[in-house]
Amino acid sequence: NLRPHQSAALNAWRAAGSYQGVLALATGAGKTITAIHAIIRLSEKIDGLAVVIAVPYQNLADQWCDVLLEFSISPIRCYESKSLWKDSLELATHELSIGTRKFMAAVVVNKTLGTADFRSCLAKLNGKKLFWIGDECNHHGGEGLYQSLPDHAEIRLGLSATPEHYLDHDRNRRIEDFYGKIVFE
């Protein structure tokens, strides 16, 4: 079950309209579980949902994959060697496009996010059914990573304990341009 602040955060994200926004939740407040509840709810409504969770580091990616498995979601691990994930991701995106797959989840580290192979697969996903989650989304305000974010993703959720940089207004603007405003703190 979600804690009251987690339910309030999801309700605020939905109420903000168009399923876009940033949840600014402190470390330990349950950002991962909150996002997984959003995944589950949307997967019940959207046939062919593709969920991509972008994280800055491999240890965080491993944590996400472990928690997703607790909810019976087996993600494609888009990190480490390309040979471990590329074929699986290409097959999943193809199956989504022809309607033989009803759901896909992938966890990607920021280093892989900018690669041509990953971006090629990402571009093939239907933007109306693409749920992009940026954990530690404050990293996505940098010019390099910002350019790699999927503009066609219509469902976006940013997660961070510190989404705004107190000195870098350009970075803050880019985060808001992609994810939307902070909808819950």
Protein backbone atom coordinates (compact mmCIF):
# COMPACT_ATOMS: atom_id res chain seq x y z
CA ASN A 1 0.00 0.00 0.00
CA LEU A 2 1.10 3.53 -0.68
CA ARG A 3 1.73 5.92 2.16
CA PRO A 4 -0.46 9.05 2.22
CA HIS A 5 2.24 11.32 0.76
CA GLN A 6 2.86 8.84 -2.08
CA SER A 7 -0.84 8.74 -2.99
CA ALA A 8 -0.98 12.54 -2.78
CA ALA A 9 2.05 12.76 -5.10
CA LEU A 10 0.47 10.50 -7.73
CA ASN A 11 -2.83 12.36 -7.46
CA ALA A 12 -1.01 15.67 -7.96
CA TRP A 13 0.82 14.29 -11.00
CA ARG A 14 -2.45 13.14 -12.57
CA ALA A 15 -4.28 16.35 -11.61
CA ALA A 16 -1.60 18.51 -13.23
CA GLY A 17 -2.91 17.21 -16.55
CA SER A 18 -1.27 15.36 -19.41
CA TYR A 19 0.62 12.99 -17.10
CA GLN A 20 3.73 15.15 -16.90
CA GLY A 21 5.55 16.61 -13.93
CA VAL A 22 8.24 16.21 -11.29
CA LEU A 23 7.87 14.68 -7.85
CA ALA A 24 10.36 16.27 -5.47
CA LEU A 25 10.50 13.67 -2.73
CA ALA A 26 13.25 13.35 -0.15
CA THR A 27 15.60 10.40 -0.15
CA GLY A 28 13.81 7.48 1.50
CA ALA A 29 10.33 8.88 0.78
CA GLY A 30 9.51 6.09 -1.67
CA LYS A 31 9.97 7.59 -5.13
CA THR A 32 10.56 4.17 -6.71
CA ILE A 33 7.44 2.56 -5.21
CA THR A 34 5.37 5.63 -6.09
CA ALA A 35 6.50 5.43 -9.72
CA ILE A 36 5.87 1.68 -9.88
CA HIS A 37 2.29 2.26 -8.74
CA ALA A 38 1.94 4.75 -11.59
CA ILE A 39 3.32 2.12 -13.99
CA ILE A 40 0.82 -0.47 -12.79
CA ARG A 41 -2.15 1.90 -13.04
CA LEU A 42 -1.20 3.06 -16.52
CA SER A 43 -0.54 -0.49 -17.74
CA GLU A 44 -4.12 -1.33 -16.80
CA LYS A 45 -5.37 1.55 -19.00
CA ILE A 46 -2.91 1.56 -21.90
CA ASP A 47 -2.54 -1.57 -24.00
CA GLY A 48 1.01 -1.72 -25.34
CA LEU A 49 2.55 0.55 -22.71
CA ALA A 50 6.32 0.97 -22.93
CA VAL A 51 7.98 2.14 -19.72
CA VAL A 52 11.54 3.41 -19.79
CA ILE A 53 13.24 4.33 -16.53
CA ALA A 54 16.43 6.38 -16.87
CA VAL A 55 18.86 6.47 -13.96
CA PRO A 56 22.34 7.97 -13.58
CA TYR A 57 24.25 4.96 -12.24
CA GLN A 58 24.34 1.19 -12.55
CA ASN A 59 23.83 0.55 -8.84
CA LEU A 60 20.60 2.55 -9.00
CA ALA A 61 19.58 0.65 -12.15
CA ASP A 62 20.14 -2.63 -10.34
CA GLN A 63 17.98 -1.42 -7.43
CA TRP A 64 15.16 -0.45 -9.81
CA CYS A 65 15.31 -3.83 -11.53
CA ASP A 66 15.18 -5.65 -8.20
CA VAL A 67 12.15 -3.66 -7.00
CA LEU A 68 10.36 -4.02 -10.34
CA LEU A 69 10.79 -7.79 -10.08
CA GLU A 70 9.03 -7.69 -6.70
CA PHE A 71 6.01 -6.37 -8.65
CA SER A 72 6.38 -9.10 -11.32
CA ILE A 73 7.79 -6.63 -13.84
CA SER A 74 10.86 -8.01 -15.61
CA PRO A 75 12.67 -5.07 -17.20
CA ILE A 76 15.21 -5.11 -20.00
CA ARG A 77 18.49 -3.98 -18.43
CA CYS A 78 19.91 -1.43 -20.86
CA TYR A 79 23.35 -1.09 -19.38
CA GLU A 80 26.62 -2.93 -19.24
CA SER A 81 27.42 -4.55 -22.57
CA LYS A 82 25.19 -3.72 -25.53
CA SER A 83 25.22 -7.43 -26.39
CA LEU A 84 23.20 -8.07 -23.22
CA TRP A 85 20.27 -5.80 -24.08
CA LYS A 86 20.18 -4.63 -27.71
CA ASP A 87 18.48 -7.68 -29.26
CA SER A 88 15.93 -7.90 -26.43
CA LEU A 89 15.07 -4.21 -26.73
CA GLU A 90 14.79 -4.36 -30.52
CA LEU A 91 12.49 -7.40 -30.29
CA ALA A 92 10.32 -5.79 -27.60
CA THR A 93 9.92 -2.54 -29.56
CA HIS A 94 9.04 -4.52 -32.70
CA GLU A 95 6.48 -6.64 -30.86
CA LEU A 96 4.91 -3.52 -29.35
CA SER A 97 4.68 -1.93 -32.79
CA ILE A 98 2.84 -4.91 -34.31
CA GLY A 99 0.62 -5.44 -31.26
CA THR A 100 1.88 -8.85 -30.13
CA ARG A 101 3.28 -7.48 -26.86
CA LYS A 102 1.09 -5.73 -24.32
CA PHE A 103 3.77 -4.24 -22.04
CA MET A 104 7.48 -3.56 -21.91
CA ALA A 105 9.74 -2.10 -19.25
CA ALA A 106 13.36 -1.09 -19.65
CA VAL A 107 15.86 0.44 -17.26
CA VAL A 108 18.62 2.50 -18.84
CA VAL A 109 21.62 4.27 -17.37
CA ASN A 110 22.36 7.79 -18.56
CA LYS A 111 25.56 6.63 -20.30
CA THR A 112 23.56 4.24 -22.52
CA LEU A 113 20.79 6.79 -23.03
CA GLY A 114 22.89 8.81 -25.45
CA THR A 115 23.97 5.89 -27.65
CA ALA A 116 22.74 5.54 -31.20
CA ASP A 117 21.54 1.95 -30.63
CA PHE A 118 19.38 2.86 -27.66
CA ARG A 119 18.02 6.03 -29.24
CA SER A 120 17.13 4.11 -32.41
CA CYS A 121 15.00 1.66 -30.43
CA LEU A 122 13.45 4.45 -28.40
CA ALA A 123 12.46 6.34 -31.55
CA LYS A 124 10.40 3.35 -32.73
CA LEU A 125 8.12 3.44 -29.68
CA ASN A 126 4.67 5.00 -29.95
CA GLY A 127 4.94 8.28 -28.04
CA LYS A 128 1.33 8.07 -26.85
CA LYS A 129 2.16 4.80 -25.11
CA LEU A 130 5.66 5.72 -23.93
CA PHE A 131 5.96 6.35 -20.19
CA TRP A 132 9.35 7.98 -19.51
CA ILE A 133 10.53 8.03 -15.90
CA GLY A 134 13.65 9.98 -15.04
CA ASP A 135 14.99 9.01 -11.62
CA GLU A 136 17.37 11.68 -10.36
CA CYS A 137 15.96 13.74 -13.22
CA ASN A 138 18.12 16.67 -12.13
CA HIS A 139 20.88 14.97 -14.18
CA HIS A 140 18.80 15.40 -17.34
CA GLY A 141 19.09 19.18 -17.30
CA GLY A 142 22.63 19.06 -18.65
CA GLU A 143 22.84 19.89 -22.34
CA GLY A 144 24.22 16.49 -23.39
CA LEU A 145 21.62 14.32 -21.67
CA TYR A 146 18.81 16.75 -22.42
CA GLN A 147 19.44 16.23 -26.15
CA SER A 148 18.98 12.47 -25.66
CA LEU A 149 15.58 12.65 -23.99
CA PRO A 150 12.67 11.36 -26.10
CA ASP A 151 10.60 14.36 -27.16
CA HIS A 152 7.88 12.06 -28.46
CA ALA A 153 7.20 10.51 -25.01
CA GLU A 154 3.84 11.90 -23.97
CA ILE A 155 3.83 10.46 -20.43
CA ARG A 156 6.68 11.81 -18.30
CA LEU A 157 7.53 11.56 -14.64
CA GLY A 158 10.60 13.14 -13.12
CA LEU A 159 11.80 11.98 -9.70
CA SER A 160 14.38 13.74 -7.55
CA ALA A 161 15.07 14.82 -4.00
CA THR A 162 16.69 17.94 -5.48
CA PRO A 163 15.24 18.68 -8.93
CA GLU A 164 16.31 22.32 -9.02
CA HIS A 165 19.85 23.64 -9.06
CA TYR A 166 20.09 26.85 -7.10
CA LEU A 167 22.58 28.47 -9.52
CA ASP A 168 21.93 26.89 -12.93
CA HIS A 169 18.73 28.39 -14.30
CA ASP A 170 19.29 26.97 -17.80
CA ARG A 171 19.46 23.45 -16.36
CA ASN A 172 16.26 24.08 -14.38
CA ARG A 173 14.50 25.37 -17.50
CA ARG A 174 15.49 22.30 -19.51
CA ILE A 175 14.18 19.96 -16.79
CA GLU A 176 10.89 21.85 -16.67
CA ASP A 177 10.68 21.96 -20.48
CA PHE A 178 10.92 18.18 -20.65
CA TYR A 179 9.25 16.90 -17.47
CA GLY A 180 6.96 19.79 -16.62
CA LYS A 181 6.68 21.64 -13.35
CA ILE A 182 7.23 20.26 -9.88
CA VAL A 183 3.76 18.98 -9.05
CA PHE A 184 4.48 17.65 -5.56
CA GLU A 185 7.06 18.30 -2.84
